[in-house]
Amino acid sequence: MEIPKVKLIPHPETDEAKEIVGYKWNQIAGTRYHLGGKPEGLNEADYPVCESCSNKMTFYAQIDSIGDKFDLADCMVIHNFVCFDCFTVKAQLTQINS
């Protein structure tokens, strides 16, 4: 099953949060947030299998690195998966070459 893609845009609500969003040296990292669609940097064959029921999990969300101060291992993203049969979830870090 594929969920339709919904682009997400960070919206920091405090001055402190505004200071940590974005990169001084990279214009793409920190902009790759979305729900559904296809995960960047992974093929469907790379999707995890549910540890509870052994079904292939559905890609649910991609969360990007926040910015220079809270970078995830050189601008990696967190891919989140869910099993809609038993509602097990799994997250994994992925390096995207973009």
N, C-alpha and C. Protein backbone atom coordinates (compact mmCIF):
# COMPACT_ATOMS: atom_id res chain seq x y z
N MET A 1 0.85 -1.17 0.00
CA MET A 1 0.00 0.00 0.00
C MET A 1 0.90 1.24 0.00
N GLU A 2 0.54 2.25 -0.80
CA GLU A 2 1.27 3.50 -0.79
C GLU A 2 0.34 4.63 -0.37
N ILE A 3 0.77 5.38 0.61
CA ILE A 3 0.02 6.55 1.08
C ILE A 3 0.35 7.71 0.14
N PRO A 4 -0.63 8.51 -0.28
CA PRO A 4 -0.31 9.68 -1.11
C PRO A 4 0.66 10.62 -0.39
N LYS A 5 1.56 11.23 -1.13
CA LYS A 5 2.59 12.11 -0.55
C LYS A 5 1.99 13.43 -0.08
N VAL A 6 2.36 13.81 1.15
CA VAL A 6 1.97 15.09 1.75
C VAL A 6 3.26 15.78 2.20
N LYS A 7 3.64 16.85 1.53
CA LYS A 7 4.85 17.60 1.88
C LYS A 7 4.67 18.30 3.21
N LEU A 8 5.69 18.28 4.04
CA LEU A 8 5.67 18.96 5.33
C LEU A 8 6.70 20.09 5.31
N ILE A 9 6.37 21.19 5.94
CA ILE A 9 7.26 22.35 6.00
C ILE A 9 7.49 22.70 7.47
N PRO A 10 8.75 22.70 7.93
CA PRO A 10 9.02 23.06 9.32
C PRO A 10 8.53 24.48 9.62
N HIS A 11 7.97 24.65 10.78
CA HIS A 11 7.46 25.96 11.20
C HIS A 11 7.87 26.19 12.65
N PRO A 12 9.12 26.66 12.87
CA PRO A 12 9.56 26.89 14.24
C PRO A 12 8.74 28.00 14.89
N GLU A 13 8.34 27.77 16.13
CA GLU A 13 7.44 28.71 16.81
C GLU A 13 8.13 29.62 17.81
N THR A 14 9.39 29.36 18.12
CA THR A 14 10.10 30.22 19.07
C THR A 14 11.40 30.70 18.43
N ASP A 15 11.98 31.75 18.99
CA ASP A 15 13.26 32.25 18.49
C ASP A 15 14.33 31.17 18.62
N GLU A 16 14.30 30.44 19.72
CA GLU A 16 15.27 29.36 19.93
C GLU A 16 15.15 28.30 18.82
N ALA A 17 13.93 27.93 18.47
CA ALA A 17 13.72 26.94 17.41
C ALA A 17 14.14 27.50 16.05
N LYS A 18 13.87 28.76 15.80
CA LYS A 18 14.27 29.38 14.52
C LYS A 18 15.77 29.35 14.32
N GLU A 19 16.52 29.46 15.41
CA GLU A 19 17.98 29.47 15.33
C GLU A 19 18.58 28.12 14.94
N ILE A 20 17.87 27.02 15.16
CA ILE A 20 18.45 25.70 14.87
C ILE A 20 18.01 25.12 13.53
N VAL A 21 17.04 25.73 12.86
CA VAL A 21 16.53 25.19 11.60
C VAL A 21 17.38 25.67 10.43
N GLY A 22 17.79 24.72 9.59
CA GLY A 22 18.51 25.05 8.37
C GLY A 22 20.00 24.86 8.46
N TYR A 23 20.62 24.91 7.28
CA TYR A 23 22.05 24.70 7.13
C TYR A 23 22.68 25.91 6.48
N LYS A 24 23.89 26.24 6.90
CA LYS A 24 24.64 27.34 6.28
C LYS A 24 25.27 26.90 4.97
N TRP A 25 25.53 25.62 4.82
CA TRP A 25 26.30 25.12 3.68
C TRP A 25 25.53 24.17 2.78
N ASN A 26 24.27 23.89 3.07
CA ASN A 26 23.51 22.91 2.29
C ASN A 26 22.08 23.42 2.13
N GLN A 27 21.64 23.63 0.91
CA GLN A 27 20.31 24.18 0.64
C GLN A 27 19.21 23.12 0.54
N ILE A 28 19.59 21.83 0.43
CA ILE A 28 18.61 20.75 0.27
C ILE A 28 18.28 20.09 1.61
N ALA A 29 19.32 19.78 2.39
CA ALA A 29 19.09 19.15 3.69
C ALA A 29 18.24 20.08 4.55
N GLY A 30 17.32 19.48 5.28
CA GLY A 30 16.42 20.25 6.11
C GLY A 30 15.12 20.63 5.40
N THR A 31 14.96 20.16 4.15
CA THR A 31 13.74 20.46 3.37
C THR A 31 13.02 19.20 2.91
N ARG A 32 13.51 18.03 3.28
CA ARG A 32 13.01 16.77 2.72
C ARG A 32 12.04 16.04 3.64
N TYR A 33 11.11 16.78 4.24
CA TYR A 33 10.10 16.20 5.14
C TYR A 33 8.85 15.86 4.35
N HIS A 34 8.28 14.69 4.55
CA HIS A 34 6.98 14.39 3.97
C HIS A 34 6.35 13.15 4.59
N LEU A 35 5.04 13.10 4.50
CA LEU A 35 4.27 11.91 4.87
C LEU A 35 3.94 11.18 3.59
N GLY A 36 3.90 9.86 3.64
CA GLY A 36 3.50 9.05 2.49
C GLY A 36 4.42 9.22 1.30
N GLY A 37 3.92 8.81 0.14
CA GLY A 37 4.72 8.84 -1.08
C GLY A 37 5.79 7.76 -1.02
N LYS A 38 6.93 8.05 -1.62
CA LYS A 38 8.05 7.11 -1.63
C LYS A 38 9.21 7.72 -0.84
N PRO A 39 9.91 6.92 -0.08
CA PRO A 39 11.06 7.45 0.66
C PRO A 39 12.22 7.73 -0.29
N GLU A 40 12.86 8.86 -0.12
CA GLU A 40 14.04 9.17 -0.94
C GLU A 40 15.19 8.29 -0.48
N GLY A 41 15.92 7.74 -1.42
CA GLY A 41 17.10 6.95 -1.09
C GLY A 41 16.85 5.48 -0.81
N LEU A 42 15.59 5.03 -0.89
CA LEU A 42 15.26 3.62 -0.67
C LEU A 42 14.37 3.10 -1.80
N ASN A 43 14.58 1.86 -2.16
CA ASN A 43 13.67 1.17 -3.08
C ASN A 43 12.68 0.36 -2.26
N GLU A 44 11.56 0.02 -2.84
CA GLU A 44 10.56 -0.77 -2.11
C GLU A 44 11.14 -2.09 -1.61
N ALA A 45 12.09 -2.63 -2.35
CA ALA A 45 12.73 -3.88 -1.92
C ALA A 45 13.49 -3.71 -0.60
N ASP A 46 13.82 -2.46 -0.27
CA ASP A 46 14.55 -2.17 0.98
C ASP A 46 13.63 -1.92 2.17
N TYR A 47 12.31 -1.92 1.96
CA TYR A 47 11.38 -1.67 3.07
C TYR A 47 11.52 -2.80 4.08
N PRO A 48 11.43 -2.47 5.36
CA PRO A 48 11.55 -3.52 6.39
C PRO A 48 10.34 -4.45 6.42
N VAL A 49 10.56 -5.61 7.00
CA VAL A 49 9.50 -6.59 7.23
C VAL A 49 9.11 -6.48 8.70
N CYS A 50 7.82 -6.52 8.97
CA CYS A 50 7.30 -6.42 10.33
C CYS A 50 7.84 -7.56 11.19
N GLU A 51 8.38 -7.21 12.34
CA GLU A 51 8.92 -8.23 13.26
C GLU A 51 7.82 -9.04 13.93
N SER A 52 6.59 -8.51 13.95
CA SER A 52 5.48 -9.21 14.61
C SER A 52 4.77 -10.20 13.69
N CYS A 53 4.50 -9.77 12.43
CA CYS A 53 3.69 -10.62 11.55
C CYS A 53 4.39 -11.00 10.23
N SER A 54 5.59 -10.50 10.01
CA SER A 54 6.41 -10.82 8.83
C SER A 54 5.90 -10.22 7.53
N ASN A 55 4.95 -9.28 7.56
CA ASN A 55 4.49 -8.60 6.35
C ASN A 55 5.41 -7.42 6.06
N LYS A 56 5.51 -7.07 4.77
CA LYS A 56 6.29 -5.89 4.39
C LYS A 56 5.59 -4.66 4.95
N MET A 57 6.38 -3.76 5.52
CA MET A 57 5.82 -2.57 6.16
C MET A 57 5.56 -1.47 5.12
N THR A 58 4.68 -0.53 5.45
CA THR A 58 4.32 0.59 4.59
C THR A 58 5.13 1.81 4.99
N PHE A 59 5.70 2.49 4.00
CA PHE A 59 6.40 3.74 4.28
C PHE A 59 5.39 4.77 4.75
N TYR A 60 5.69 5.45 5.87
CA TYR A 60 4.74 6.40 6.46
C TYR A 60 5.25 7.84 6.44
N ALA A 61 6.53 8.06 6.76
CA ALA A 61 7.02 9.43 6.83
C ALA A 61 8.53 9.49 6.69
N GLN A 62 8.99 10.63 6.18
CA GLN A 62 10.41 10.92 6.08
C GLN A 62 10.67 12.20 6.86
N ILE A 63 11.54 12.11 7.86
CA ILE A 63 11.89 13.25 8.70
C ILE A 63 13.35 13.60 8.42
N ASP A 64 13.59 14.84 8.02
CA ASP A 64 14.93 15.27 7.64
C ASP A 64 15.72 15.73 8.86
N SER A 65 17.02 15.87 8.68
CA SER A 65 17.85 16.52 9.69
C SER A 65 17.32 17.94 9.88
N ILE A 66 17.48 18.47 11.09
CA ILE A 66 16.92 19.80 11.40
C ILE A 66 17.81 20.92 10.89
N GLY A 67 19.10 20.81 11.15
CA GLY A 67 20.02 21.88 10.78
C GLY A 67 21.41 21.56 11.29
N ASP A 68 22.31 22.53 11.13
CA ASP A 68 23.71 22.31 11.50
C ASP A 68 23.88 21.81 12.94
N LYS A 69 23.12 22.36 13.88
CA LYS A 69 23.30 22.01 15.29
C LYS A 69 22.78 20.60 15.62
N PHE A 70 21.73 20.14 14.94
CA PHE A 70 21.14 18.83 15.21
C PHE A 70 21.14 17.95 13.96
N ASP A 71 22.27 17.93 13.28
CA ASP A 71 22.43 17.15 12.05
C ASP A 71 22.46 15.66 12.38
N LEU A 72 21.81 14.87 11.55
CA LEU A 72 21.80 13.41 11.72
C LEU A 72 22.87 12.78 10.84
N ALA A 73 24.06 12.60 11.39
CA ALA A 73 25.14 11.87 10.72
C ALA A 73 25.31 12.29 9.26
N ASP A 74 25.66 13.52 9.04
CA ASP A 74 25.91 14.06 7.70
C ASP A 74 24.64 14.12 6.85
N CYS A 75 23.63 14.77 7.38
CA CYS A 75 22.37 15.08 6.66
C CYS A 75 21.53 13.85 6.32
N MET A 76 21.51 12.87 7.18
CA MET A 76 20.66 11.70 6.95
C MET A 76 19.20 12.04 7.25
N VAL A 77 18.29 11.18 6.81
CA VAL A 77 16.87 11.32 7.12
C VAL A 77 16.41 10.10 7.91
N ILE A 78 15.32 10.27 8.65
CA ILE A 78 14.72 9.14 9.36
C ILE A 78 13.53 8.68 8.53
N HIS A 79 13.55 7.43 8.11
CA HIS A 79 12.41 6.83 7.41
C HIS A 79 11.59 6.06 8.43
N ASN A 80 10.29 6.33 8.45
CA ASN A 80 9.38 5.69 9.39
C ASN A 80 8.43 4.77 8.63
N PHE A 81 8.28 3.57 9.12
CA PHE A 81 7.42 2.56 8.50
C PHE A 81 6.40 2.07 9.51
N VAL A 82 5.24 1.62 9.01
CA VAL A 82 4.20 1.08 9.88
C VAL A 82 3.63 -0.18 9.23
N CYS A 83 3.27 -1.14 10.05
CA CYS A 83 2.54 -2.31 9.58
C CYS A 83 1.07 -2.05 9.89
N PHE A 84 0.26 -1.95 8.86
CA PHE A 84 -1.16 -1.68 9.06
C PHE A 84 -1.93 -2.92 9.48
N ASP A 85 -1.27 -4.08 9.54
CA ASP A 85 -1.93 -5.29 10.04
C ASP A 85 -1.87 -5.38 11.56
N CYS A 86 -0.72 -5.01 12.15
CA CYS A 86 -0.59 -5.14 13.60
C CYS A 86 -0.10 -3.84 14.26
N PHE A 87 0.10 -2.80 13.49
CA PHE A 87 0.51 -1.48 13.96
C PHE A 87 1.85 -1.46 14.68
N THR A 88 2.75 -2.29 14.21
CA THR A 88 4.14 -2.22 14.62
C THR A 88 4.80 -1.10 13.82
N VAL A 89 5.72 -0.37 14.42
CA VAL A 89 6.43 0.70 13.71
C VAL A 89 7.93 0.45 13.74
N LYS A 90 8.60 1.01 12.74
CA LYS A 90 10.07 0.90 12.67
C LYS A 90 10.61 2.17 12.03
N ALA A 91 11.72 2.64 12.55
CA ALA A 91 12.40 3.81 11.99
C ALA A 91 13.83 3.42 11.66
N GLN A 92 14.35 4.03 10.59
CA GLN A 92 15.74 3.77 10.22
C GLN A 92 16.36 5.02 9.62
N LEU A 93 17.65 5.21 9.85
CA LEU A 93 18.38 6.31 9.26
C LEU A 93 18.87 5.93 7.87
N THR A 94 18.75 6.87 6.93
CA THR A 94 19.17 6.61 5.56
C THR A 94 19.96 7.82 5.04
N GLN A 95 21.06 7.55 4.37
CA GLN A 95 21.83 8.62 3.71
C GLN A 95 21.26 8.81 2.31
N ILE A 96 20.86 10.03 1.98
CA ILE A 96 20.34 10.34 0.65
C ILE A 96 21.40 11.11 -0.11
N ASN A 97 21.67 10.70 -1.31
CA ASN A 97 22.67 11.38 -2.13
C ASN A 97 21.98 12.39 -3.03
N SER A 98 21.60 13.54 -2.46
CA SER A 98 20.99 14.60 -3.28
C SER A 98 21.48 15.95 -2.86
